[in-house]
Amino acid sequence: MDKDYAFVMVIILPVLWIWNKHKTYISGYLWHFLYKMGVGTPENSL
């Protein structure tokens, strides 16, 4: 159980760190994608 938990943390922590580091870029890309789909608003797109 402890081994599995440590394994999950080893995978999740770097992903969270990268997500945090590039959060504005990722959310900007998501808004751009949503805008192209006709969901997002233009001022939030890239």
PDB file of N, CA and C in Angstrom:
ATOM      1  N   MET A   1       0.833  -1.199   0.000  1.00  0.00           N
ATOM      2  CA  MET A   1       0.000   0.000   0.000  1.00  0.00           C
ATOM      3  C   MET A   1       0.871   1.253   0.000  1.00  0.00           C
ATOM      4  N   ASP A   2       1.840   1.284   0.910  1.00  0.00           N
ATOM      5  CA  ASP A   2       2.731   2.448   0.989  1.00  0.00           C
ATOM      6  C   ASP A   2       3.538   2.603  -0.288  1.00  0.00           C
ATOM      7  N   LYS A   3       3.952   1.484  -0.871  1.00  0.00           N
ATOM      8  CA  LYS A   3       4.735   1.532  -2.111  1.00  0.00           C
ATOM      9  C   LYS A   3       3.903   2.121  -3.250  1.00  0.00           C
ATOM     10  N   ASP A   4       2.654   1.674  -3.351  1.00  0.00           N
ATOM     11  CA  ASP A   4       1.771   2.191  -4.398  1.00  0.00           C
ATOM     12  C   ASP A   4       1.552   3.690  -4.225  1.00  0.00           C
ATOM     13  N   TYR A   5       1.352   4.118  -2.985  1.00  0.00           N
ATOM     14  CA  TYR A   5       1.116   5.536  -2.705  1.00  0.00           C
ATOM     15  C   TYR A   5       2.327   6.367  -3.095  1.00  0.00           C
ATOM     16  N   ALA A   6       3.514   5.875  -2.749  1.00  0.00           N
ATOM     17  CA  ALA A   6       4.748   6.594  -3.097  1.00  0.00           C
ATOM     18  C   ALA A   6       4.899   6.668  -4.620  1.00  0.00           C
ATOM     19  N   PHE A   7       4.557   5.597  -5.300  1.00  0.00           N
ATOM     20  CA  PHE A   7       4.649   5.558  -6.761  1.00  0.00           C
ATOM     21  C   PHE A   7       3.722   6.596  -7.379  1.00  0.00           C
ATOM     22  N   VAL A   8       2.502   6.684  -6.851  1.00  0.00           N
ATOM     23  CA  VAL A   8       1.533   7.662  -7.346  1.00  0.00           C
ATOM     24  C   VAL A   8       2.039   9.075  -7.111  1.00  0.00           C
ATOM     25  N   MET A   9       2.606   9.328  -5.933  1.00  0.00           N
ATOM     26  CA  MET A   9       3.120  10.657  -5.612  1.00  0.00           C
ATOM     27  C   MET A   9       4.269  11.036  -6.534  1.00  0.00           C
ATOM     28  N   VAL A  10       5.127  10.080  -6.847  1.00  0.00           N
ATOM     29  CA  VAL A  10       6.264  10.342  -7.735  1.00  0.00           C
ATOM     30  C   VAL A  10       5.780  10.770  -9.115  1.00  0.00           C
ATOM     31  N   ILE A  11       4.634  10.237  -9.538  1.00  0.00           N
ATOM     32  CA  ILE A  11       4.082  10.611 -10.844  1.00  0.00           C
ATOM     33  C   ILE A  11       3.316  11.930 -10.755  1.00  0.00           C
ATOM     34  N   ILE A  12       2.493  12.073  -9.710  1.00  0.00           N
ATOM     35  CA  ILE A  12       1.594  13.222  -9.623  1.00  0.00           C
ATOM     36  C   ILE A  12       2.313  14.516  -9.273  1.00  0.00           C
ATOM     37  N   LEU A  13       3.280  14.465  -8.369  1.00  0.00           N
ATOM     38  CA  LEU A  13       3.936  15.703  -7.942  1.00  0.00           C
ATOM     39  C   LEU A  13       4.605  16.456  -9.088  1.00  0.00           C
ATOM     40  N   PRO A  14       5.410  15.794  -9.931  1.00  0.00           N
ATOM     41  CA  PRO A  14       5.999  16.527 -11.064  1.00  0.00           C
ATOM     42  C   PRO A  14       4.945  17.071 -12.020  1.00  0.00           C
ATOM     43  N   VAL A  15       3.868  16.315 -12.226  1.00  0.00           N
ATOM     44  CA  VAL A  15       2.796  16.775 -13.111  1.00  0.00           C
ATOM     45  C   VAL A  15       2.154  18.042 -12.544  1.00  0.00           C
ATOM     46  N   LEU A  16       1.887  18.032 -11.233  1.00  0.00           N
ATOM     47  CA  LEU A  16       1.309  19.210 -10.584  1.00  0.00           C
ATOM     48  C   LEU A  16       2.267  20.389 -10.661  1.00  0.00           C
ATOM     49  N   TRP A  17       3.561  20.131 -10.474  1.00  0.00           N
ATOM     50  CA  TRP A  17       4.568  21.200 -10.520  1.00  0.00           C
ATOM     51  C   TRP A  17       4.628  21.805 -11.922  1.00  0.00           C
ATOM     52  N   ILE A  18       4.635  20.946 -12.943  1.00  0.00           N
ATOM     53  CA  ILE A  18       4.676  21.425 -14.329  1.00  0.00           C
ATOM     54  C   ILE A  18       3.394  22.191 -14.644  1.00  0.00           C
ATOM     55  N   TRP A  19       2.244  21.651 -14.193  1.00  0.00           N
ATOM     56  CA  TRP A  19       0.954  22.306 -14.428  1.00  0.00           C
ATOM     57  C   TRP A  19       0.970  23.699 -13.809  1.00  0.00           C
ATOM     58  N   ASN A  20       1.493  23.795 -12.558  1.00  0.00           N
ATOM     59  CA  ASN A  20       1.549  25.069 -11.855  1.00  0.00           C
ATOM     60  C   ASN A  20       2.448  26.052 -12.600  1.00  0.00           C
ATOM     61  N   LYS A  21       3.587  25.526 -13.094  1.00  0.00           N
ATOM     62  CA  LYS A  21       4.570  26.365 -13.790  1.00  0.00           C
ATOM     63  C   LYS A  21       3.987  26.925 -15.093  1.00  0.00           C
ATOM     64  N   HIS A  22       3.188  26.125 -15.767  1.00  0.00           N
ATOM     65  CA  HIS A  22       2.674  26.520 -17.078  1.00  0.00           C
ATOM     66  C   HIS A  22       1.166  26.768 -17.053  1.00  0.00           C
ATOM     67  N   LYS A  23       0.633  27.067 -15.870  1.00  0.00           N
ATOM     68  CA  LYS A  23      -0.817  27.178 -15.713  1.00  0.00           C
ATOM     69  C   LYS A  23      -1.411  28.229 -16.648  1.00  0.00           C
ATOM     70  N   THR A  24      -0.786  29.395 -16.704  1.00  0.00           N
ATOM     71  CA  THR A  24      -1.339  30.461 -17.535  1.00  0.00           C
ATOM     72  C   THR A  24      -1.285  30.066 -19.005  1.00  0.00           C
ATOM     73  N   TYR A  25      -0.202  29.406 -19.410  1.00  0.00           N
ATOM     74  CA  TYR A  25      -0.078  28.962 -20.800  1.00  0.00           C
ATOM     75  C   TYR A  25      -1.131  27.913 -21.125  1.00  0.00           C
ATOM     76  N   ILE A  26      -1.289  26.950 -20.202  1.00  0.00           N
ATOM     77  CA  ILE A  26      -2.241  25.860 -20.436  1.00  0.00           C
ATOM     78  C   ILE A  26      -3.667  26.392 -20.467  1.00  0.00           C
ATOM     79  N   SER A  27      -4.030  27.258 -19.500  1.00  0.00           N
ATOM     80  CA  SER A  27      -5.392  27.784 -19.479  1.00  0.00           C
ATOM     81  C   SER A  27      -5.636  28.681 -20.694  1.00  0.00           C
ATOM     82  N   GLY A  28      -4.603  29.416 -21.116  1.00  0.00           N
ATOM     83  CA  GLY A  28      -4.735  30.237 -22.314  1.00  0.00           C
ATOM     84  C   GLY A  28      -4.984  29.378 -23.542  1.00  0.00           C
ATOM     85  N   TYR A  29      -4.278  28.243 -23.617  1.00  0.00           N
ATOM     86  CA  TYR A  29      -4.467  27.325 -24.733  1.00  0.00           C
ATOM     87  C   TYR A  29      -5.864  26.719 -24.694  1.00  0.00           C
ATOM     88  N   LEU A  30      -6.310  26.348 -23.478  1.00  0.00           N
ATOM     89  CA  LEU A  30      -7.653  25.781 -23.337  1.00  0.00           C
ATOM     90  C   LEU A  30      -8.711  26.783 -23.760  1.00  0.00           C
ATOM     91  N   TRP A  31      -8.542  28.066 -23.360  1.00  0.00           N
ATOM     92  CA  TRP A  31      -9.507  29.096 -23.749  1.00  0.00           C
ATOM     93  C   TRP A  31      -9.502  29.278 -25.258  1.00  0.00           C
ATOM     94  N   HIS A  32      -8.307  29.242 -25.851  1.00  0.00           N
ATOM     95  CA  HIS A  32      -8.180  29.377 -27.297  1.00  0.00           C
ATOM     96  C   HIS A  32      -8.919  28.239 -27.998  1.00  0.00           C
ATOM     97  N   PHE A  33      -8.737  27.022 -27.475  1.00  0.00           N
ATOM     98  CA  PHE A  33      -9.401  25.850 -28.046  1.00  0.00           C
ATOM     99  C   PHE A  33     -10.918  25.982 -27.908  1.00  0.00           C
ATOM    100  N   LEU A  34     -11.378  26.379 -26.709  1.00  0.00           N
ATOM    101  CA  LEU A  34     -12.814  26.540 -26.472  1.00  0.00           C
ATOM    102  C   LEU A  34     -13.398  27.630 -27.363  1.00  0.00           C
ATOM    103  N   TYR A  35     -12.618  28.696 -27.553  1.00  0.00           N
ATOM    104  CA  TYR A  35     -13.081  29.786 -28.414  1.00  0.00           C
ATOM    105  C   TYR A  35     -13.267  29.295 -29.844  1.00  0.00           C
ATOM    106  N   LYS A  36     -12.309  28.474 -30.312  1.00  0.00           N
ATOM    107  CA  LYS A  36     -12.417  27.916 -31.659  1.00  0.00           C
ATOM    108  C   LYS A  36     -13.647  27.013 -31.767  1.00  0.00           C
ATOM    109  N   MET A  37     -13.983  26.357 -30.644  1.00  0.00           N
ATOM    110  CA  MET A  37     -15.153  25.495 -30.625  1.00  0.00           C
ATOM    111  C   MET A  37     -16.436  26.308 -30.470  1.00  0.00           C
ATOM    112  N   GLY A  38     -16.279  27.607 -30.210  1.00  0.00           N
ATOM    113  CA  GLY A  38     -17.439  28.476 -30.062  1.00  0.00           C
ATOM    114  C   GLY A  38     -17.960  28.545 -28.639  1.00  0.00           C
ATOM    115  N   VAL A  39     -17.108  28.162 -27.676  1.00  0.00           N
ATOM    116  CA  VAL A  39     -17.551  28.142 -26.279  1.00  0.00           C
ATOM    117  C   VAL A  39     -16.934  29.303 -25.498  1.00  0.00           C
ATOM    118  N   GLY A  40     -15.622  29.490 -25.665  1.00  0.00           N
ATOM    119  CA  GLY A  40     -14.917  30.517 -24.914  1.00  0.00           C
ATOM    120  C   GLY A  40     -15.183  31.911 -25.456  1.00  0.00           C
ATOM    121  N   THR A  41     -14.689  32.899 -24.724  1.00  0.00           N
ATOM    122  CA  THR A  41     -14.859  34.292 -25.145  1.00  0.00           C
ATOM    123  C   THR A  41     -13.563  34.798 -25.758  1.00  0.00           C
ATOM    124  N   PRO A  42     -13.624  35.702 -26.722  1.00  0.00           N
ATOM    125  CA  PRO A  42     -12.438  36.146 -27.465  1.00  0.00           C
ATOM    126  C   PRO A  42     -11.371  36.764 -26.556  1.00  0.00           C
ATOM    127  N   GLU A  43     -11.760  37.520 -25.536  1.00  0.00           N
ATOM    128  CA  GLU A  43     -10.767  38.195 -24.696  1.00  0.00           C
ATOM    129  C   GLU A  43      -9.937  37.215 -23.880  1.00  0.00           C
ATOM    130  N   ASN A  44     -10.430  35.979 -23.727  1.00  0.00           N
ATOM    131  CA  ASN A  44      -9.686  34.980 -22.969  1.00  0.00           C
ATOM    132  C   ASN A  44      -8.815  34.097 -23.857  1.00  0.00           C
ATOM    133  N   SER A  45      -8.962  34.212 -25.177  1.00  0.00           N
ATOM    134  CA  SER A  45      -8.173  33.377 -26.078  1.00  0.00           C
ATOM    135  C   SER A  45      -6.789  33.991 -26.289  1.00  0.00           C
ATOM    136  N   LEU A  46      -5.897  33.211 -26.848  1.00  0.00           N
ATOM    137  CA  LEU A  46      -4.526  33.686 -27.082  1.00  0.00           C
ATOM    138  C   LEU A  46      -4.493  34.666 -28.249  1.00  0.00           C
TER     139      LEU A  46
END
